[in-house]
């Protein structure tokens, strides 16, 4: 699973990190907003990483 966020959106960064997602990198000029191109930060988690988190949590 992957997700992208604005570099300025620290709340999204915290949520993705709490879910176990890893910051993978930056997509430059990914989104156009208000007539300007904006970067996106990409976070991801692999299936085996998610499964490992569920085992540790006892789920």
C-alpha atoms as a PDB file:
ATOM      1  CA  UNK A   1       0.000   0.000   0.000  1.00  0.00           C
ATOM      2  CA  UNK A   2       1.286   3.468  -0.744  1.00  0.00           C
ATOM      3  CA  UNK A   3       0.115   7.014  -0.201  1.00  0.00           C
ATOM      4  CA  UNK A   4       1.283  10.475  -1.135  1.00  0.00           C
ATOM      5  CA  UNK A   5       1.124  13.696   0.850  1.00  0.00           C
ATOM      6  CA  UNK A   6       2.140  17.320   0.635  1.00  0.00           C
ATOM      7  CA  UNK A   7       5.590  17.968   2.112  1.00  0.00           C
ATOM      8  CA  UNK A   8       3.908  20.506   4.422  1.00  0.00           C
ATOM      9  CA  UNK A   9       1.291  18.054   5.757  1.00  0.00           C
ATOM     10  CA  UNK A  10       2.897  16.825   8.968  1.00  0.00           C
ATOM     11  CA  UNK A  11      -0.401  15.368  10.253  1.00  0.00           C
ATOM     12  CA  UNK A  12      -0.533  12.983   7.278  1.00  0.00           C
ATOM     13  CA  UNK A  13       3.131  12.116   7.803  1.00  0.00           C
ATOM     14  CA  UNK A  14       2.439  11.227  11.437  1.00  0.00           C
ATOM     15  CA  UNK A  15      -0.584   9.097  10.495  1.00  0.00           C
ATOM     16  CA  UNK A  16       1.332   7.174   7.825  1.00  0.00           C
ATOM     17  CA  UNK A  17       4.298   6.641  10.154  1.00  0.00           C
ATOM     18  CA  UNK A  18       1.988   5.407  12.928  1.00  0.00           C
ATOM     19  CA  UNK A  19       0.527   2.879  10.468  1.00  0.00           C
ATOM     20  CA  UNK A  20       4.051   1.570   9.850  1.00  0.00           C
ATOM     21  CA  UNK A  21       4.504   3.157   6.445  1.00  0.00           C
ATOM     22  CA  UNK A  22       8.015   4.180   5.412  1.00  0.00           C
ATOM     23  CA  UNK A  23       8.855   7.424   3.634  1.00  0.00           C
ATOM     24  CA  UNK A  24      10.057   6.229   0.234  1.00  0.00           C
ATOM     25  CA  UNK A  25      10.819   9.476  -1.546  1.00  0.00           C
ATOM     26  CA  UNK A  26       9.642  12.599  -3.305  1.00  0.00           C
ATOM     27  CA  UNK A  27       7.823  12.955  -6.617  1.00  0.00           C
ATOM     28  CA  UNK A  28       8.812  16.361  -7.932  1.00  0.00           C
ATOM     29  CA  UNK A  29       6.116  18.560  -9.462  1.00  0.00           C
ATOM     30  CA  UNK A  30       3.556  15.782  -9.023  1.00  0.00           C
ATOM     31  CA  UNK A  31       0.364  17.789  -8.436  1.00  0.00           C
ATOM     32  CA  UNK A  32      -0.804  21.062  -9.900  1.00  0.00           C
ATOM     33  CA  UNK A  33      -2.636  23.231  -7.366  1.00  0.00           C
ATOM     34  CA  UNK A  34      -3.582  26.895  -7.679  1.00  0.00           C
ATOM     35  CA  UNK A  35      -1.645  27.087 -10.934  1.00  0.00           C
ATOM     36  CA  UNK A  36       1.613  25.835  -9.407  1.00  0.00           C
ATOM     37  CA  UNK A  37       3.260  22.433  -9.530  1.00  0.00           C
ATOM     38  CA  UNK A  38       3.779  20.863  -6.104  1.00  0.00           C
ATOM     39  CA  UNK A  39       5.915  17.984  -4.897  1.00  0.00           C
ATOM     40  CA  UNK A  40       4.489  14.924  -3.140  1.00  0.00           C
ATOM     41  CA  UNK A  41       6.113  12.740  -0.495  1.00  0.00           C
ATOM     42  CA  UNK A  42       5.415   9.017  -0.949  1.00  0.00           C
ATOM     43  CA  UNK A  43       5.036   6.556   1.946  1.00  0.00           C
ATOM     44  CA  UNK A  44       4.539   2.793   1.587  1.00  0.00           C
ATOM     45  CA  UNK A  45       4.271  -0.465   3.514  1.00  0.00           C
ATOM     46  CA  UNK A  46       4.801  -3.950   2.127  1.00  0.00           C
ATOM     47  CA  UNK A  47       2.366  -6.796   2.765  1.00  0.00           C
ATOM     48  CA  UNK A  48       4.891  -8.713   4.879  1.00  0.00           C
ATOM     49  CA  UNK A  49       5.617  -5.585   6.953  1.00  0.00           C
ATOM     50  CA  UNK A  50       1.894  -5.077   7.628  1.00  0.00           C
ATOM     51  CA  UNK A  51       1.457  -8.765   8.515  1.00  0.00           C
ATOM     52  CA  UNK A  52       4.401  -8.540  10.933  1.00  0.00           C
ATOM     53  CA  UNK A  53       2.858  -5.518  12.660  1.00  0.00           C
ATOM     54  CA  UNK A  54      -0.441  -7.394  13.050  1.00  0.00           C
ATOM     55  CA  UNK A  55       1.309 -10.401  14.627  1.00  0.00           C
ATOM     56  CA  UNK A  56       3.153  -8.200  17.124  1.00  0.00           C
ATOM     57  CA  UNK A  57      -0.109  -6.444  18.007  1.00  0.00           C
ATOM     58  CA  UNK A  58      -1.819  -9.815  18.511  1.00  0.00           C
ATOM     59  CA  UNK A  59      -4.387  -9.285  15.780  1.00  0.00           C
END
